[in-house]
Amino acid sequence: MSRRFAVWIALGIVPAFAQKNIPRAADGHPDLEGIWTNATITPMERPASVGGKATLSDKEAAAYEAKDRDTNTLDEESSPLVAATGSGAVGAYNNLFVDRGSELARVDGVKRTSLIIDPPDGKIPYLADRSRQTRAGGNFGRYDSVKDRPLSERCILGFGSTAGPPMLPVLYNNNYQIVQTPSSVMILVEMVHDARIIRMNSTHVAPTVRRWFGDSIGHWEGDTLVVDTTNFSSQTRFRGATENLHVIERFKRVDAGTILYRATIEDAAVFARPWSIEYPFRATAGPLYEYACHEGNYAMPDILGGARKLETEGDKK
């Protein structure tokens, strides 16, 4: 190692020729454009089965992934997700349909056992007085009107915070397309065809303006795109959060085929402390096809019709 290079390392300065060969946009910032997938079987919270380990060796990870495959019942009539009507019936949500990935997320060369990296126990740090119902959010038990049903059921937002923020892998349709300009970044989400617009180097809208995805403002910190989001709708309720939810995301392109995604979530009314998730987005082939959520969807009238029928039967009794 040369004396000059040693000084650079000591000062924390990495010259351009020592950095990984990542694509760059015309303005010199990393180019995040492309189509990406965040599908992974790594769960949000660390499961008890891994004995508290934050990471697994390749051998341990292979065993975990094999067990996940061996216990997969999506193609069986006994699966709760298969709408089977008899022997050999064809239902929805089989393995051909879903897109949950087959591997644990790999970061820094090792497999992660939870998306949550802070707190160290891999658990969401809820306040002690938050009930299970509050944590879950949504209106799954209310059937008075269409507006009482959950946002994902109404095709307003994808379920499971797939569009975010924070952006999470879900059961299927885990693909994203990023379009980047110096003034804005657009993230098109396959699930429900949501489109997030991140305004660069701007300021947040007035506190009275509330949006489904919140109001996202971006800026560059070195080679990392940092996105600050506030102004959420009170109906979004990520993991039971209030409209005061605050999310800071970081998108860092670490090589030609990977974006390392990190998000820090805070809401003092629900969580005892800020908490963070981290996992990779991988480059994938496109294009994204339209997710026509309500095309031929009979679920909503059937759900409400069933509720009215139950009410009528109850009145007769």
Protein backbone atom coordinates (compact mmCIF):
# COMPACT_ATOMS: atom_id res chain seq x y z
CA MET A 1 0.00 0.00 0.00
CA SER A 2 1.37 3.42 -0.91
CA ARG A 3 1.88 6.06 1.74
CA ARG A 4 -0.68 8.36 0.07
CA PHE A 5 -3.32 5.61 -0.11
CA ALA A 6 -2.72 4.78 3.58
CA VAL A 7 -3.38 8.44 4.48
CA TRP A 8 -6.62 8.38 2.45
CA ILE A 9 -7.82 5.28 4.31
CA ALA A 10 -6.90 6.79 7.70
CA LEU A 11 -8.92 9.91 6.87
CA GLY A 12 -11.87 7.86 5.65
CA ILE A 13 -11.44 9.10 2.07
CA VAL A 14 -12.03 6.49 -0.62
CA PRO A 15 -10.81 7.66 -4.05
CA ALA A 16 -13.00 7.07 -7.08
CA PHE A 17 -10.82 4.29 -8.45
CA ALA A 18 -11.19 2.35 -5.17
CA GLN A 19 -14.99 2.48 -5.17
CA LYS A 20 -17.15 -0.27 -6.62
CA ASN A 21 -18.12 0.18 -10.23
CA ILE A 22 -21.69 1.42 -9.87
CA PRO A 23 -23.70 3.07 -12.67
CA ARG A 24 -24.01 6.85 -12.40
CA ALA A 25 -26.51 9.34 -13.77
CA ALA A 26 -25.52 12.35 -15.85
CA ASP A 27 -25.37 14.53 -12.70
CA GLY A 28 -22.80 12.20 -11.12
CA HIS A 29 -25.09 10.64 -8.52
CA PRO A 30 -25.59 6.86 -8.46
CA ASP A 31 -28.12 5.73 -11.06
CA LEU A 32 -30.99 3.98 -9.28
CA GLU A 33 -33.07 3.55 -12.42
CA GLY A 34 -34.28 0.12 -13.40
CA ILE A 35 -36.63 -2.61 -12.26
CA TRP A 36 -36.03 -4.17 -8.87
CA THR A 37 -37.46 -6.88 -6.62
CA ASN A 38 -37.40 -7.02 -2.82
CA ALA A 39 -38.85 -10.54 -2.55
CA THR A 40 -37.37 -12.45 0.38
CA ILE A 41 -38.47 -15.01 2.96
CA THR A 42 -36.73 -13.06 5.71
CA PRO A 43 -39.55 -12.04 8.09
CA MET A 44 -40.05 -8.58 9.51
CA GLU A 45 -39.40 -9.75 13.08
CA ARG A 46 -36.85 -12.37 14.14
CA PRO A 47 -38.46 -15.79 14.66
CA ALA A 48 -37.81 -17.78 17.82
CA SER A 49 -36.59 -20.70 15.73
CA VAL A 50 -33.22 -19.03 15.02
CA GLY A 51 -32.30 -18.81 18.70
CA GLY A 52 -31.80 -15.06 18.76
CA LYS A 53 -29.23 -15.02 15.94
CA ALA A 54 -29.27 -11.89 13.78
CA THR A 55 -27.44 -13.69 10.96
CA LEU A 56 -26.94 -17.27 9.82
CA SER A 57 -24.03 -19.04 8.18
CA ASP A 58 -24.61 -20.25 4.64
CA LYS A 59 -25.09 -23.79 5.98
CA GLU A 60 -27.63 -22.64 8.58
CA ALA A 61 -29.38 -20.45 6.02
CA ALA A 62 -29.63 -23.35 3.55
CA ALA A 63 -31.31 -25.47 6.23
CA TYR A 64 -33.74 -22.65 7.08
CA GLU A 65 -34.61 -22.15 3.41
CA ALA A 66 -35.03 -25.89 2.83
CA LYS A 67 -37.42 -26.13 5.77
CA ASP A 68 -39.40 -23.20 4.37
CA ARG A 69 -39.73 -25.04 1.05
CA ASP A 70 -40.61 -28.36 2.71
CA THR A 71 -43.37 -26.81 4.82
CA ASN A 72 -44.88 -24.85 1.92
CA THR A 73 -48.51 -25.98 1.47
CA LEU A 74 -49.70 -23.37 -1.02
CA ASP A 75 -50.34 -25.99 -3.69
CA GLU A 76 -52.34 -28.23 -1.37
CA GLU A 77 -56.09 -28.11 -0.83
CA SER A 78 -55.47 -27.90 2.91
CA SER A 79 -53.85 -24.48 2.49
CA PRO A 80 -55.97 -21.66 3.95
CA LEU A 81 -55.00 -19.51 0.95
CA VAL A 82 -56.29 -21.91 -1.67
CA ALA A 83 -59.94 -21.34 -2.56
CA ALA A 84 -60.59 -25.03 -3.25
CA THR A 85 -64.12 -26.26 -3.88
CA GLY A 86 -63.40 -29.95 -4.07
CA SER A 87 -60.86 -32.54 -5.09
CA GLY A 88 -58.60 -31.19 -7.82
CA ALA A 89 -60.20 -27.75 -7.71
CA VAL A 90 -58.17 -24.80 -8.94
CA GLY A 91 -57.80 -22.00 -6.40
CA ALA A 92 -55.93 -18.73 -6.08
CA TYR A 93 -52.66 -18.00 -4.31
CA ASN A 94 -50.72 -21.10 -5.28
CA ASN A 95 -46.94 -21.14 -5.74
CA LEU A 96 -47.25 -20.13 -9.38
CA PHE A 97 -49.14 -17.01 -8.32
CA VAL A 98 -47.13 -15.82 -5.32
CA ASP A 99 -43.74 -14.15 -5.39
CA ARG A 100 -42.34 -14.36 -1.87
CA GLY A 101 -38.81 -15.36 -2.82
CA SER A 102 -36.90 -18.47 -1.80
CA GLU A 103 -33.96 -17.12 0.18
CA LEU A 104 -33.15 -15.11 3.26
CA ALA A 105 -31.93 -11.59 2.56
CA ARG A 106 -28.15 -11.36 2.24
CA VAL A 107 -26.43 -8.17 3.44
CA ASP A 108 -22.67 -7.72 3.89
CA GLY A 109 -22.14 -11.31 2.80
CA VAL A 110 -24.37 -12.96 5.43
CA LYS A 111 -28.01 -14.01 5.59
CA ARG A 112 -30.29 -11.98 7.85
CA THR A 113 -32.97 -13.54 10.07
CA SER A 114 -35.15 -10.43 10.27
CA LEU A 115 -35.68 -7.26 8.29
CA ILE A 116 -35.44 -5.38 11.59
CA ILE A 117 -31.82 -4.61 12.47
CA ASP A 118 -32.52 -2.19 15.31
CA PRO A 119 -33.49 -2.93 18.08
CA PRO A 120 -30.92 -5.73 18.21
CA ASP A 121 -33.58 -8.30 19.24
CA GLY A 122 -35.27 -7.90 15.86
CA LYS A 123 -38.66 -6.99 17.33
CA ILE A 124 -40.93 -3.98 16.81
CA PRO A 125 -40.56 -1.86 19.99
CA TYR A 126 -44.22 -1.21 20.73
CA LEU A 127 -45.20 0.80 23.78
CA ALA A 128 -46.40 -1.52 26.52
CA ASP A 129 -49.98 -0.20 26.43
CA ARG A 130 -50.57 -0.77 22.71
CA SER A 131 -53.19 -3.47 22.24
CA ARG A 132 -52.99 -6.22 19.62
CA GLN A 133 -55.88 -4.63 17.73
CA THR A 134 -54.15 -1.24 17.65
CA ARG A 135 -50.94 -2.85 16.42
CA ALA A 136 -52.70 -4.62 13.57
CA GLY A 137 -54.56 -1.54 12.32
CA GLY A 138 -57.22 -1.72 9.62
CA ASN A 139 -60.98 -2.26 9.87
CA PHE A 140 -61.21 -5.98 9.24
CA GLY A 141 -64.10 -6.37 11.68
CA ARG A 142 -66.33 -3.59 10.30
CA TYR A 143 -68.79 -4.10 7.46
CA ASP A 144 -71.15 -1.10 7.59
CA SER A 145 -69.96 0.43 4.32
CA VAL A 146 -67.30 0.24 1.63
CA LYS A 147 -65.35 2.98 3.42
CA ASP A 148 -65.08 0.83 6.54
CA ARG A 149 -63.08 -1.84 4.74
CA PRO A 150 -59.23 -1.81 4.73
CA LEU A 151 -57.46 0.33 2.14
CA SER A 152 -55.90 -2.68 0.39
CA GLU A 153 -59.27 -4.39 0.08
CA ARG A 154 -60.59 -1.23 -1.60
CA CYS A 155 -57.58 -1.17 -3.97
CA ILE A 156 -56.47 2.23 -2.69
CA LEU A 157 -53.07 0.98 -1.46
CA GLY A 158 -51.28 -2.33 -1.67
CA PHE A 159 -51.50 -4.51 1.42
CA GLY A 160 -48.59 -4.95 3.81
CA SER A 161 -46.99 -1.53 3.09
CA THR A 162 -45.65 -2.72 -0.25
CA ALA A 163 -45.48 0.89 -1.51
CA GLY A 164 -44.59 2.22 1.92
CA PRO A 165 -42.97 4.04 3.22
CA PRO A 166 -41.44 1.94 4.60
CA MET A 167 -41.46 -0.41 1.59
CA LEU A 168 -41.88 -4.08 2.52
CA PRO A 169 -41.87 -7.41 0.68
CA VAL A 170 -45.28 -9.10 0.64
CA LEU A 171 -46.87 -12.29 -0.67
CA TYR A 172 -46.70 -11.38 -4.35
CA ASN A 173 -46.00 -8.55 -6.86
CA ASN A 174 -42.75 -7.46 -5.21
CA ASN A 175 -41.42 -5.52 -8.20
CA TYR A 176 -40.59 -1.83 -8.49
CA GLN A 177 -39.52 0.50 -11.28
CA ILE A 178 -37.44 3.56 -10.41
CA VAL A 179 -37.24 6.59 -12.71
CA GLN A 180 -34.72 9.23 -11.63
CA THR A 181 -34.19 12.88 -12.56
CA PRO A 182 -32.28 15.65 -10.72
CA SER A 183 -35.58 17.15 -9.51
CA SER A 184 -37.59 14.05 -8.61
CA VAL A 185 -37.53 10.28 -8.24
CA MET A 186 -40.53 8.15 -9.10
CA ILE A 187 -41.03 4.63 -7.72
CA LEU A 188 -43.70 2.64 -9.54
CA VAL A 189 -44.92 -0.22 -7.36
CA GLU A 190 -46.25 -3.35 -9.04
CA MET A 191 -48.78 -4.04 -6.27
CA VAL A 192 -51.92 -1.99 -7.05
CA HIS A 193 -49.79 0.06 -9.47
CA ASP A 194 -48.98 2.70 -6.86
CA ALA A 195 -46.63 5.52 -7.83
CA ARG A 196 -44.53 7.35 -5.24
CA ILE A 197 -43.11 10.75 -6.18
CA ILE A 198 -40.06 11.93 -4.22
CA ARG A 199 -39.36 15.65 -4.63
CA MET A 200 -35.64 16.40 -4.43
CA ASN A 201 -34.17 19.21 -2.32
CA SER A 202 -37.59 20.61 -1.48
CA THR A 203 -39.63 21.25 1.67
CA HIS A 204 -42.63 19.43 3.08
CA VAL A 205 -46.13 20.59 2.29
CA ALA A 206 -48.27 22.20 5.00
CA PRO A 207 -49.13 19.92 7.97
CA THR A 208 -52.82 20.08 6.99
CA VAL A 209 -52.07 18.27 3.71
CA ARG A 210 -52.24 14.50 4.27
CA ARG A 211 -51.35 11.91 1.65
CA TRP A 212 -51.68 8.13 1.26
CA PHE A 213 -47.89 7.70 0.87
CA GLY A 214 -47.05 10.72 2.99
CA ASP A 215 -45.02 13.63 1.61
CA SER A 216 -41.55 12.47 0.54
CA ILE A 217 -38.58 14.85 0.24
CA GLY A 218 -35.23 13.55 -1.00
CA HIS A 219 -31.60 14.63 -0.95
CA TRP A 220 -28.22 13.02 -1.56
CA GLU A 221 -25.77 12.29 1.24
CA GLY A 222 -22.72 11.20 -0.70
CA ASP A 223 -23.82 8.19 -2.75
CA THR A 224 -26.96 7.55 -0.67
CA LEU A 225 -30.42 8.86 -1.57
CA VAL A 226 -32.07 9.90 1.70
CA VAL A 227 -35.86 10.28 1.69
CA ASP A 228 -37.73 11.98 4.56
CA THR A 229 -41.49 11.29 4.69
CA THR A 230 -44.15 12.93 6.88
CA ASN A 231 -47.79 14.09 6.40
CA PHE A 232 -49.35 10.62 6.31
CA SER A 233 -53.10 10.08 6.14
CA SER A 234 -54.67 9.01 9.43
CA GLN A 235 -56.08 6.00 7.56
CA THR A 236 -52.71 4.54 6.53
CA ARG A 237 -51.78 3.26 10.02
CA PHE A 238 -48.57 1.37 9.30
CA ARG A 239 -48.28 -1.26 12.06
CA GLY A 240 -50.78 0.75 14.10
CA ALA A 241 -48.96 4.07 13.68
CA THR A 242 -50.77 7.41 13.76
CA GLU A 243 -50.75 10.21 11.18
CA ASN A 244 -47.60 11.47 12.96
CA LEU A 245 -45.58 8.58 11.54
CA HIS A 246 -42.13 9.70 10.37
CA VAL A 247 -40.02 7.54 8.05
CA ILE A 248 -36.48 8.14 6.82
CA GLU A 249 -35.37 5.87 3.98
CA ARG A 250 -31.91 5.35 2.52
CA PHE A 251 -31.29 3.93 -0.96
CA LYS A 252 -27.66 3.01 -1.63
CA ARG A 253 -26.61 1.29 -4.84
CA VAL A 254 -23.83 -0.99 -3.67
CA ASP A 255 -23.14 -2.67 -7.01
CA ALA A 256 -24.57 -3.01 -10.52
CA GLY A 257 -27.32 -5.36 -9.37
CA THR A 258 -28.14 -4.28 -5.81
CA ILE A 259 -29.69 -1.37 -3.92
CA LEU A 260 -29.34 -1.58 -0.14
CA TYR A 261 -32.58 -0.26 1.33
CA ARG A 262 -32.82 0.97 4.91
CA ALA A 263 -35.75 2.67 6.66
CA THR A 264 -36.08 4.12 10.15
CA ILE A 265 -39.60 4.37 11.56
CA GLU A 266 -40.74 6.55 14.44
CA ASP A 267 -44.03 7.48 16.07
CA ALA A 268 -43.81 8.29 19.77
CA ALA A 269 -47.52 7.53 20.26
CA VAL A 270 -47.06 3.88 19.25
CA PHE A 271 -43.40 2.88 19.41
CA ALA A 272 -41.11 3.10 22.44
CA ARG A 273 -38.20 4.17 20.23
CA PRO A 274 -37.30 4.59 16.55
CA TRP A 275 -36.59 1.29 14.82
CA SER A 276 -34.94 0.32 11.56
CA ILE A 277 -35.19 -2.28 8.83
CA GLU A 278 -32.60 -3.11 6.16
CA TYR A 279 -32.48 -5.48 3.21
CA PRO A 280 -31.51 -5.53 -0.49
CA PHE A 281 -33.42 -4.73 -3.65
CA ARG A 282 -32.14 -6.88 -6.53
CA ALA A 283 -32.18 -5.98 -10.23
CA THR A 284 -34.72 -8.04 -12.17
CA ALA A 285 -36.10 -8.31 -15.67
CA GLY A 286 -39.10 -6.23 -16.69
CA PRO A 287 -41.42 -4.89 -17.73
CA LEU A 288 -43.94 -4.26 -14.95
CA TYR A 289 -47.48 -5.14 -15.97
CA GLU A 290 -50.54 -3.30 -14.76
CA TYR A 291 -52.05 -4.60 -11.54
CA ALA A 292 -55.75 -4.13 -12.34
CA CYS A 293 -56.99 -4.54 -8.79
CA HIS A 294 -60.72 -4.06 -9.36
CA GLU A 295 -61.07 -5.64 -12.79
CA GLY A 296 -63.59 -8.44 -12.33
CA ASN A 297 -63.28 -8.13 -8.55
CA TYR A 298 -66.51 -9.28 -6.90
CA ALA A 299 -65.07 -9.31 -3.39
CA MET A 300 -66.42 -5.99 -2.14
CA PRO A 301 -70.14 -6.48 -2.98
CA ASP A 302 -69.90 -10.11 -1.84
CA ILE A 303 -68.32 -9.13 1.51
CA LEU A 304 -70.91 -6.44 2.22
CA GLY A 305 -73.75 -8.62 0.87
CA GLY A 306 -72.69 -11.40 3.21
CA ALA A 307 -72.68 -8.99 6.14
CA ARG A 308 -76.22 -7.81 5.32
CA LYS A 309 -77.39 -11.43 5.09
CA LEU A 310 -75.92 -12.22 8.51
CA GLU A 311 -77.62 -9.14 9.94
CA THR A 312 -80.96 -10.23 8.46
CA GLU A 313 -80.62 -13.71 9.90
CA GLY A 314 -79.74 -12.19 13.25
CA ASP A 315 -82.85 -10.01 13.21
CA LYS A 316 -85.05 -13.05 12.48
CA LYS A 317 -83.72 -14.79 15.58
